[in-house]
N, C-alpha and C. Protein backbone atom coordinates (compact mmCIF):
# COMPACT_ATOMS: atom_id res chain seq x y z
N UNK A 1 27.19 -23.44 -16.69
CA UNK A 1 27.34 -22.92 -15.36
C UNK A 1 28.58 -22.10 -15.37
N UNK A 2 28.66 -21.08 -14.57
CA UNK A 2 29.73 -20.08 -14.44
C UNK A 2 30.84 -20.85 -13.42
N UNK A 3 32.06 -20.48 -13.48
CA UNK A 3 33.05 -21.11 -12.63
C UNK A 3 32.75 -21.10 -11.16
N UNK A 4 32.31 -19.85 -10.75
CA UNK A 4 32.08 -19.71 -9.20
C UNK A 4 30.93 -20.53 -8.75
N UNK A 5 30.00 -20.70 -9.64
CA UNK A 5 28.79 -21.51 -9.39
C UNK A 5 29.14 -22.94 -9.38
N UNK A 6 30.06 -23.37 -10.29
CA UNK A 6 30.44 -24.73 -10.31
C UNK A 6 31.19 -25.17 -8.93
N UNK A 7 31.93 -24.24 -8.46
CA UNK A 7 32.72 -24.49 -7.23
C UNK A 7 31.76 -24.58 -6.14
N UNK A 8 30.75 -23.75 -6.01
CA UNK A 8 29.79 -23.70 -4.92
C UNK A 8 29.01 -25.09 -5.03
N UNK A 9 28.70 -25.48 -6.22
CA UNK A 9 27.83 -26.73 -6.32
C UNK A 9 28.76 -27.89 -5.96
N UNK A 10 30.02 -27.89 -6.38
CA UNK A 10 30.97 -28.98 -5.93
C UNK A 10 31.07 -29.03 -4.44
N UNK A 11 31.24 -27.92 -3.81
CA UNK A 11 31.36 -27.87 -2.36
C UNK A 11 30.18 -28.34 -1.63
N UNK A 12 29.00 -28.05 -2.18
CA UNK A 12 27.74 -28.50 -1.58
C UNK A 12 27.61 -29.98 -1.75
N UNK A 13 27.94 -30.49 -2.89
CA UNK A 13 27.84 -31.95 -3.13
C UNK A 13 28.75 -32.65 -2.30
N UNK A 14 29.97 -32.18 -2.06
CA UNK A 14 30.95 -32.83 -1.24
C UNK A 14 30.46 -32.90 0.22
N UNK A 15 29.87 -31.81 0.64
CA UNK A 15 29.40 -31.82 2.02
C UNK A 15 28.26 -32.69 2.35
N UNK A 16 27.38 -32.76 1.38
CA UNK A 16 26.31 -33.76 1.45
C UNK A 16 26.83 -35.19 1.44
N UNK A 17 27.80 -35.38 0.52
CA UNK A 17 28.39 -36.81 0.46
C UNK A 17 29.03 -37.20 1.75
N UNK A 18 29.72 -36.30 2.35
CA UNK A 18 30.43 -36.61 3.67
C UNK A 18 29.41 -36.84 4.72
N UNK A 19 28.30 -35.96 4.67
CA UNK A 19 27.34 -36.13 5.78
C UNK A 19 26.52 -37.41 5.65
N UNK A 20 26.34 -37.90 4.51
CA UNK A 20 25.51 -38.97 4.29
C UNK A 20 26.34 -40.37 4.01
N UNK A 21 27.51 -40.20 3.71
CA UNK A 21 28.35 -41.31 3.32
C UNK A 21 28.57 -42.39 4.30
N UNK A 22 28.39 -42.14 5.60
CA UNK A 22 28.46 -43.16 6.61
C UNK A 22 29.90 -43.29 7.17
N UNK A 23 30.79 -42.49 6.71
CA UNK A 23 32.20 -42.53 7.21
C UNK A 23 32.41 -41.27 8.05
N UNK A 24 33.30 -41.30 9.01
CA UNK A 24 33.75 -40.16 9.68
C UNK A 24 32.74 -39.73 10.71
N UNK A 25 32.87 -38.49 11.36
CA UNK A 25 31.97 -37.94 12.33
C UNK A 25 30.64 -37.93 11.97
N UNK A 26 30.21 -37.66 10.78
CA UNK A 26 28.84 -37.56 10.25
C UNK A 26 28.07 -38.76 10.46
N UNK A 27 28.77 -39.91 10.54
CA UNK A 27 28.05 -41.20 10.63
C UNK A 27 27.37 -41.35 12.08
N UNK A 28 27.96 -40.66 13.01
CA UNK A 28 27.43 -40.73 14.34
C UNK A 28 26.20 -39.77 14.59
N UNK A 29 25.98 -38.92 13.58
CA UNK A 29 24.86 -38.07 13.67
C UNK A 29 23.65 -38.62 13.39
N UNK A 30 22.55 -38.15 14.12
CA UNK A 30 21.14 -38.68 13.98
C UNK A 30 20.54 -38.05 12.77
N UNK A 31 19.30 -38.47 12.52
CA UNK A 31 18.56 -37.92 11.31
C UNK A 31 18.35 -36.46 11.40
N UNK A 32 18.10 -35.98 12.59
CA UNK A 32 17.86 -34.44 12.73
C UNK A 32 19.10 -33.75 12.27
N UNK A 33 20.23 -34.11 12.71
CA UNK A 33 21.50 -33.38 12.45
C UNK A 33 21.77 -33.50 10.92
N UNK A 34 21.58 -34.63 10.38
CA UNK A 34 21.77 -34.78 8.91
C UNK A 34 20.78 -33.85 8.09
N UNK A 35 19.56 -33.83 8.56
CA UNK A 35 18.59 -32.90 7.91
C UNK A 35 18.92 -31.50 8.03
N UNK A 36 19.44 -31.12 9.12
CA UNK A 36 19.94 -29.82 9.45
C UNK A 36 21.02 -29.41 8.47
N UNK A 37 21.98 -30.36 8.31
CA UNK A 37 23.07 -30.03 7.43
C UNK A 37 22.55 -30.03 6.00
N UNK A 38 21.68 -30.82 5.51
CA UNK A 38 21.13 -30.84 4.17
C UNK A 38 20.36 -29.46 3.92
N UNK A 39 19.68 -28.98 5.02
CA UNK A 39 18.98 -27.70 4.84
C UNK A 39 20.08 -26.57 4.59
N UNK A 40 21.09 -26.51 5.52
CA UNK A 40 22.14 -25.51 5.41
C UNK A 40 22.85 -25.57 4.12
N UNK A 41 23.11 -26.73 3.53
CA UNK A 41 23.90 -26.81 2.31
C UNK A 41 22.87 -26.38 1.10
N UNK A 42 21.67 -26.75 1.26
CA UNK A 42 20.65 -26.29 0.25
C UNK A 42 20.50 -24.67 0.28
N UNK A 43 20.61 -24.05 1.42
CA UNK A 43 20.49 -22.64 1.50
C UNK A 43 21.64 -22.05 0.90
N UNK A 44 22.82 -22.60 1.09
CA UNK A 44 24.08 -22.06 0.56
C UNK A 44 24.06 -22.17 -1.03
N UNK A 45 23.54 -23.31 -1.54
CA UNK A 45 23.49 -23.45 -2.92
C UNK A 45 22.50 -22.45 -3.65
N UNK A 46 21.34 -22.28 -2.91
CA UNK A 46 20.34 -21.29 -3.39
C UNK A 46 20.89 -20.02 -3.34
N UNK A 47 21.67 -19.53 -2.25
CA UNK A 47 22.22 -18.24 -2.23
C UNK A 47 23.17 -17.98 -3.38
N UNK A 48 24.00 -19.10 -3.68
CA UNK A 48 24.90 -18.95 -4.87
C UNK A 48 24.23 -18.70 -6.23
N UNK A 49 23.08 -19.43 -6.37
CA UNK A 49 22.20 -19.35 -7.62
C UNK A 49 21.72 -17.94 -7.69
N UNK A 50 21.20 -17.41 -6.56
CA UNK A 50 20.69 -16.02 -6.50
C UNK A 50 21.74 -15.06 -6.87
N UNK A 51 22.85 -15.16 -6.18
CA UNK A 51 23.93 -14.19 -6.37
C UNK A 51 24.40 -14.18 -7.83
N UNK A 52 24.40 -15.46 -8.48
CA UNK A 52 24.84 -15.48 -9.90
C UNK A 52 23.81 -14.82 -10.75
N UNK A 53 22.58 -14.96 -10.50
CA UNK A 53 21.52 -14.37 -11.31
C UNK A 53 21.57 -12.78 -11.20
N UNK A 54 21.91 -12.29 -9.96
CA UNK A 54 22.05 -10.83 -9.75
C UNK A 54 23.23 -10.36 -10.51
N UNK A 55 24.28 -11.05 -10.53
CA UNK A 55 25.54 -10.56 -11.24
C UNK A 55 25.36 -10.37 -12.66
N UNK A 56 24.38 -11.27 -13.25
CA UNK A 56 24.29 -11.24 -14.80
C UNK A 56 23.25 -10.08 -15.13
N UNK A 57 22.59 -9.60 -14.30
CA UNK A 57 21.49 -8.53 -14.51
C UNK A 57 22.13 -7.23 -14.76
N UNK A 58 21.80 -6.50 -15.85
CA UNK A 58 22.25 -5.15 -16.08
C UNK A 58 21.80 -4.22 -15.08
N UNK A 59 22.48 -3.15 -14.77
CA UNK A 59 22.01 -2.19 -13.67
C UNK A 59 20.81 -1.41 -14.22
N UNK A 60 19.90 -1.13 -13.39
CA UNK A 60 18.69 -0.40 -13.79
C UNK A 60 18.97 1.04 -14.16
N UNK A 61 18.46 1.56 -15.14
CA UNK A 61 18.74 2.89 -15.66
C UNK A 61 17.43 3.66 -15.87
N UNK A 62 17.32 4.82 -15.16
CA UNK A 62 16.10 5.65 -15.28
C UNK A 62 15.84 6.16 -16.69
N UNK A 63 14.70 6.13 -17.19
CA UNK A 63 14.37 6.52 -18.54
C UNK A 63 13.36 7.57 -18.34
N UNK A 64 13.58 8.80 -18.83
CA UNK A 64 12.62 9.88 -18.90
C UNK A 64 11.31 9.50 -19.60
N UNK A 65 10.09 9.72 -19.11
CA UNK A 65 8.96 9.37 -19.82
C UNK A 65 8.78 10.25 -21.09
N UNK A 66 8.16 9.63 -22.04
CA UNK A 66 8.03 10.33 -23.33
C UNK A 66 7.03 11.50 -23.16
N UNK A 67 7.22 12.63 -23.72
CA UNK A 67 6.20 13.72 -23.68
C UNK A 67 4.92 13.39 -24.31
N UNK A 68 3.76 13.73 -23.63
CA UNK A 68 2.48 13.52 -24.22
C UNK A 68 1.99 14.72 -25.11
N UNK A 69 1.33 14.44 -26.08
CA UNK A 69 0.84 15.53 -26.95
C UNK A 69 -0.15 16.36 -26.15
N UNK A 70 -0.21 17.67 -26.46
CA UNK A 70 -1.14 18.53 -25.76
C UNK A 70 -2.59 18.33 -26.15
N UNK A 71 -3.45 18.08 -25.12
CA UNK A 71 -4.81 17.83 -25.56
C UNK A 71 -5.81 19.01 -25.14
N UNK A 72 -5.21 20.03 -24.61
CA UNK A 72 -6.04 21.30 -24.26
C UNK A 72 -6.54 21.17 -22.83
N UNK A 73 -6.20 20.08 -22.09
CA UNK A 73 -6.77 19.97 -20.67
C UNK A 73 -5.60 19.68 -19.76
N UNK A 74 -4.48 20.09 -19.98
CA UNK A 74 -3.43 19.86 -18.98
C UNK A 74 -3.49 20.82 -17.88
N UNK A 75 -2.96 20.56 -16.70
CA UNK A 75 -3.14 21.38 -15.54
C UNK A 75 -2.39 22.81 -15.77
N UNK A 76 -1.59 22.87 -16.78
CA UNK A 76 -0.87 24.03 -17.11
C UNK A 76 -1.93 25.19 -17.59
N UNK A 77 -3.06 24.81 -17.96
CA UNK A 77 -3.96 25.82 -18.48
C UNK A 77 -4.59 26.57 -17.29
N UNK A 78 -4.44 26.08 -16.18
CA UNK A 78 -5.09 26.84 -14.97
C UNK A 78 -4.10 27.47 -14.19
N UNK A 79 -4.44 28.62 -13.84
CA UNK A 79 -3.69 29.41 -12.80
C UNK A 79 -4.21 29.28 -11.49
N UNK A 80 -3.82 28.27 -10.67
CA UNK A 80 -4.45 27.93 -9.43
C UNK A 80 -4.16 28.88 -8.38
N UNK A 81 -2.99 29.52 -8.53
CA UNK A 81 -2.75 30.57 -7.44
C UNK A 81 -3.70 31.75 -7.56
N UNK A 82 -4.16 32.14 -8.66
CA UNK A 82 -5.03 33.28 -8.63
C UNK A 82 -6.49 32.91 -8.83
N UNK A 83 -6.84 31.57 -9.13
CA UNK A 83 -8.10 31.24 -9.16
C UNK A 83 -8.76 31.53 -10.53
N UNK A 84 -7.98 31.71 -11.55
CA UNK A 84 -8.57 31.91 -12.98
C UNK A 84 -8.13 30.82 -13.91
N UNK A 85 -9.10 30.51 -14.80
CA UNK A 85 -8.76 29.64 -15.88
C UNK A 85 -8.16 30.42 -16.99
N UNK A 86 -7.07 30.22 -17.31
CA UNK A 86 -6.39 31.08 -18.39
C UNK A 86 -7.03 31.08 -19.70
N UNK A 87 -7.60 29.90 -20.11
CA UNK A 87 -8.14 29.76 -21.42
C UNK A 87 -9.49 30.62 -21.64
N UNK A 88 -10.23 30.79 -20.50
CA UNK A 88 -11.44 31.44 -20.57
C UNK A 88 -11.54 32.61 -19.74
N UNK A 89 -10.71 32.92 -18.86
CA UNK A 89 -10.80 34.09 -18.00
C UNK A 89 -11.82 34.05 -16.94
N UNK A 90 -12.37 32.88 -16.66
CA UNK A 90 -13.39 32.66 -15.66
C UNK A 90 -12.82 32.44 -14.24
N UNK A 91 -13.49 32.92 -13.29
CA UNK A 91 -13.07 32.63 -11.87
C UNK A 91 -13.33 31.29 -11.48
N UNK A 92 -12.46 30.52 -10.97
CA UNK A 92 -12.65 29.20 -10.50
C UNK A 92 -12.83 28.98 -9.06
N UNK A 93 -13.56 28.03 -8.61
CA UNK A 93 -13.62 27.76 -7.20
C UNK A 93 -12.34 27.27 -6.65
N UNK A 94 -11.88 27.69 -5.44
CA UNK A 94 -10.56 27.18 -5.00
C UNK A 94 -10.74 25.76 -4.61
N UNK A 95 -9.69 24.91 -4.94
CA UNK A 95 -9.66 23.56 -4.65
C UNK A 95 -9.60 23.40 -3.12
N UNK A 96 -10.39 22.45 -2.58
CA UNK A 96 -10.43 22.29 -1.19
C UNK A 96 -10.02 20.79 -0.92
N UNK A 97 -9.15 20.58 -0.09
CA UNK A 97 -8.80 19.15 0.38
C UNK A 97 -9.94 18.54 1.18
N UNK A 98 -10.15 17.29 1.04
CA UNK A 98 -11.16 16.61 1.91
C UNK A 98 -10.76 16.67 3.35
N UNK A 99 -9.51 16.89 3.62
CA UNK A 99 -9.03 16.81 4.96
C UNK A 99 -9.21 18.15 5.71
N UNK A 100 -9.66 19.13 4.95
CA UNK A 100 -9.97 20.40 5.60
C UNK A 100 -11.38 20.85 5.52
N UNK A 101 -12.32 19.85 5.24
CA UNK A 101 -13.73 19.97 5.15
C UNK A 101 -14.34 19.92 6.49
N UNK A 102 -15.47 20.38 6.74
CA UNK A 102 -16.29 20.17 8.05
C UNK A 102 -16.45 18.68 8.36
N UNK A 103 -16.51 17.84 7.41
CA UNK A 103 -16.70 16.44 7.63
C UNK A 103 -15.40 15.90 8.26
N UNK A 104 -14.27 16.30 7.71
CA UNK A 104 -13.02 15.80 8.34
C UNK A 104 -12.84 16.37 9.75
N UNK A 105 -12.96 17.58 9.95
CA UNK A 105 -12.83 18.21 11.32
C UNK A 105 -13.74 17.57 12.33
N UNK A 106 -14.97 17.28 11.93
CA UNK A 106 -15.96 16.62 12.87
C UNK A 106 -15.54 15.28 13.23
N UNK A 107 -15.27 14.55 12.13
CA UNK A 107 -14.71 13.09 12.29
C UNK A 107 -13.61 12.96 13.19
N UNK A 108 -12.58 13.80 12.94
CA UNK A 108 -11.34 13.71 13.73
C UNK A 108 -11.59 14.20 15.21
N UNK A 109 -12.71 14.82 15.43
CA UNK A 109 -12.89 15.26 16.90
C UNK A 109 -13.48 14.15 17.78
N UNK A 110 -14.01 13.09 17.13
CA UNK A 110 -14.48 11.97 17.94
C UNK A 110 -13.38 11.22 18.45
N UNK A 111 -13.63 10.47 19.56
CA UNK A 111 -12.62 9.48 20.09
C UNK A 111 -12.45 8.20 19.12
N UNK A 112 -11.38 7.59 19.23
CA UNK A 112 -11.09 6.49 18.17
C UNK A 112 -12.24 5.47 18.16
N UNK A 113 -12.78 5.11 19.26
CA UNK A 113 -13.87 4.09 19.39
C UNK A 113 -15.05 4.45 18.57
N UNK A 114 -15.37 5.75 18.58
CA UNK A 114 -16.59 6.24 17.82
C UNK A 114 -16.23 6.35 16.36
N UNK A 115 -15.01 6.77 16.05
CA UNK A 115 -14.57 6.73 14.62
C UNK A 115 -14.67 5.33 14.02
N UNK A 116 -14.18 4.30 14.70
CA UNK A 116 -14.41 2.94 14.17
C UNK A 116 -15.89 2.63 14.04
N UNK A 117 -16.75 3.12 15.09
CA UNK A 117 -18.04 2.71 15.04
C UNK A 117 -18.74 3.37 13.79
N UNK A 118 -18.44 4.60 13.46
CA UNK A 118 -18.97 5.31 12.28
C UNK A 118 -18.54 4.53 11.03
N UNK A 119 -17.40 4.13 10.84
CA UNK A 119 -16.96 3.37 9.67
C UNK A 119 -17.51 1.95 9.73
N UNK A 120 -17.73 1.35 10.75
CA UNK A 120 -18.35 0.01 10.73
C UNK A 120 -19.81 0.15 10.37
N UNK A 121 -20.49 1.14 10.89
CA UNK A 121 -21.85 1.39 10.52
C UNK A 121 -22.02 1.69 9.00
N UNK A 122 -21.16 2.54 8.53
CA UNK A 122 -21.13 2.80 7.07
C UNK A 122 -20.93 1.55 6.20
N UNK A 123 -19.98 0.74 6.70
CA UNK A 123 -19.75 -0.48 6.01
C UNK A 123 -20.90 -1.46 6.08
N UNK A 124 -21.50 -1.59 7.20
CA UNK A 124 -22.69 -2.44 7.42
C UNK A 124 -23.80 -2.03 6.51
N UNK A 125 -23.97 -0.86 6.27
CA UNK A 125 -25.01 -0.36 5.29
C UNK A 125 -24.55 -0.32 3.85
N UNK A 126 -23.38 -0.69 3.52
CA UNK A 126 -22.87 -0.78 2.21
C UNK A 126 -22.29 0.39 1.62
N UNK A 127 -22.08 1.46 2.48
CA UNK A 127 -21.51 2.73 1.96
C UNK A 127 -20.01 2.73 1.96
N UNK A 128 -19.42 2.06 2.90
CA UNK A 128 -17.96 2.03 3.03
C UNK A 128 -17.31 0.70 2.72
N UNK A 129 -16.40 0.61 1.83
CA UNK A 129 -15.70 -0.63 1.45
C UNK A 129 -14.27 -0.71 1.80
N UNK A 130 -13.80 0.36 2.51
CA UNK A 130 -12.32 0.30 2.97
C UNK A 130 -12.14 -0.44 4.25
N UNK A 131 -10.97 -0.41 4.71
CA UNK A 131 -10.58 -1.07 5.97
C UNK A 131 -11.02 -0.19 7.06
N UNK A 132 -11.63 -0.72 8.09
CA UNK A 132 -12.17 -0.02 9.21
C UNK A 132 -10.97 0.20 10.19
N UNK A 133 -10.36 1.58 9.99
CA UNK A 133 -9.21 1.91 10.79
C UNK A 133 -9.35 3.18 11.62
N UNK A 134 -10.47 3.84 11.56
CA UNK A 134 -10.71 5.00 12.37
C UNK A 134 -10.06 6.24 11.84
N UNK A 135 -9.58 6.07 10.52
CA UNK A 135 -8.91 7.34 9.85
C UNK A 135 -9.72 7.84 8.99
N UNK A 136 -9.75 9.15 8.81
CA UNK A 136 -10.53 9.89 7.76
C UNK A 136 -9.76 9.96 6.48
N UNK A 137 -10.37 9.52 5.35
CA UNK A 137 -9.73 9.51 4.08
C UNK A 137 -10.72 9.60 2.94
N UNK A 138 -10.30 9.28 1.77
CA UNK A 138 -11.23 9.47 0.73
C UNK A 138 -12.37 8.43 0.75
N UNK A 139 -12.17 7.26 1.16
CA UNK A 139 -13.18 6.30 1.31
C UNK A 139 -14.19 6.65 2.34
N UNK A 140 -13.85 7.18 3.46
CA UNK A 140 -14.77 7.59 4.57
C UNK A 140 -15.48 8.83 4.05
N UNK A 141 -14.81 9.75 3.37
CA UNK A 141 -15.48 10.94 2.86
C UNK A 141 -16.62 10.57 1.82
N UNK A 142 -16.20 9.72 0.90
CA UNK A 142 -17.25 9.29 -0.12
C UNK A 142 -18.45 8.59 0.52
N UNK A 143 -18.18 7.78 1.51
CA UNK A 143 -19.19 6.99 2.15
C UNK A 143 -20.13 7.90 2.87
N UNK A 144 -19.59 8.87 3.68
CA UNK A 144 -20.45 9.78 4.36
C UNK A 144 -21.36 10.70 3.49
N UNK A 145 -20.74 11.14 2.39
CA UNK A 145 -21.44 11.98 1.50
C UNK A 145 -22.58 11.10 0.91
N UNK A 146 -22.35 9.96 0.45
CA UNK A 146 -23.33 9.15 -0.17
C UNK A 146 -24.48 8.78 0.81
N UNK A 147 -24.10 8.51 2.08
CA UNK A 147 -25.04 8.19 3.12
C UNK A 147 -25.90 9.44 3.37
N UNK A 148 -25.33 10.59 3.46
CA UNK A 148 -26.09 11.85 3.72
C UNK A 148 -26.92 12.23 2.58
N UNK A 149 -26.57 11.91 1.40
CA UNK A 149 -27.30 12.22 0.24
C UNK A 149 -28.57 11.35 0.22
N UNK A 150 -28.33 9.97 0.54
CA UNK A 150 -29.52 9.09 0.57
C UNK A 150 -30.44 9.33 1.80
N UNK A 151 -29.93 9.96 2.75
CA UNK A 151 -30.90 10.36 3.92
C UNK A 151 -31.41 11.71 3.89
N UNK A 152 -31.20 12.41 2.87
CA UNK A 152 -31.61 13.71 2.62
C UNK A 152 -30.94 14.77 3.44
N UNK A 153 -29.73 14.49 3.91
CA UNK A 153 -28.94 15.53 4.70
C UNK A 153 -27.81 16.05 4.03
N UNK A 154 -27.73 16.04 2.78
CA UNK A 154 -26.58 16.53 1.96
C UNK A 154 -26.31 17.87 2.20
N UNK A 155 -27.28 18.72 2.33
CA UNK A 155 -27.03 20.06 2.55
C UNK A 155 -26.33 20.39 3.88
N UNK A 156 -26.59 19.60 4.81
CA UNK A 156 -26.06 19.87 6.19
C UNK A 156 -24.52 19.59 6.28
N UNK A 157 -23.93 18.94 5.25
CA UNK A 157 -22.54 18.63 5.30
C UNK A 157 -21.58 19.94 5.07
N UNK A 158 -22.14 21.06 4.80
CA UNK A 158 -21.45 22.25 4.52
C UNK A 158 -20.96 22.84 5.87
N UNK A 159 -21.49 22.39 6.98
CA UNK A 159 -21.07 23.05 8.28
C UNK A 159 -20.66 21.98 9.25
N UNK A 160 -19.78 22.26 10.17
CA UNK A 160 -19.42 21.29 11.17
C UNK A 160 -20.58 20.79 12.02
N UNK A 161 -21.44 21.61 12.34
CA UNK A 161 -22.62 21.24 13.17
C UNK A 161 -23.42 20.18 12.36
N UNK A 162 -23.59 20.44 11.09
CA UNK A 162 -24.35 19.45 10.32
C UNK A 162 -23.68 18.14 10.12
N UNK A 163 -22.19 18.18 10.02
CA UNK A 163 -21.48 16.95 9.99
C UNK A 163 -21.63 16.17 11.29
N UNK A 164 -21.62 16.88 12.41
CA UNK A 164 -21.81 16.22 13.69
C UNK A 164 -23.18 15.56 13.70
N UNK A 165 -24.25 16.23 13.14
CA UNK A 165 -25.59 15.60 13.10
C UNK A 165 -25.55 14.33 12.37
N UNK A 166 -24.85 14.25 11.20
CA UNK A 166 -24.82 13.07 10.41
C UNK A 166 -24.07 12.02 11.18
N UNK A 167 -22.83 12.25 11.80
CA UNK A 167 -22.20 11.23 12.53
C UNK A 167 -22.91 10.80 13.68
N UNK A 168 -23.49 11.68 14.42
CA UNK A 168 -24.25 11.27 15.64
C UNK A 168 -25.42 10.36 15.19
N UNK A 169 -26.08 10.55 14.03
CA UNK A 169 -27.11 9.70 13.55
C UNK A 169 -26.50 8.28 13.20
N UNK A 170 -25.33 8.10 12.91
CA UNK A 170 -24.62 6.89 12.63
C UNK A 170 -24.31 6.14 14.00
N UNK A 171 -23.91 6.99 14.93
CA UNK A 171 -23.38 6.32 16.19
C UNK A 171 -24.60 5.92 17.17
N UNK A 172 -25.60 6.82 17.30
CA UNK A 172 -26.60 6.57 18.27
C UNK A 172 -27.92 6.06 17.68
């Protein structure tokens, strides 16, 4: 044990001995008071042990990740700003976030109670496995797309009106 930990342990042992020894003011205390003192002394000893363990730990140092070998498919091969694949010169489709799709716009236009109801219905039918929170995210997006595909309505998801039709089918 380190010296500062020895002194903390000695102090704690002395306090417990005085509290339980039967002499002095501690003898007049009831069982509750003595148990409270034991708990406080135990907490102080535990704190000293934790502080001692933290003092012995070396500080964390950031280490740069090792470079990965080039496999031909890094994101650096694509010029996303211009929409071209550098390696082949082909025009790429622009990346679209799920949050800017007609599905997201339609979902977020419903009141909260109906958004919860949509997610609950998707979960009931086994399409949605996330937390029913009324928020549109990747889980809701995937569940709606799978539901629409199974119901033969996948083509209607390209427009906001079609997305409303899918959601209304889940609500009503």
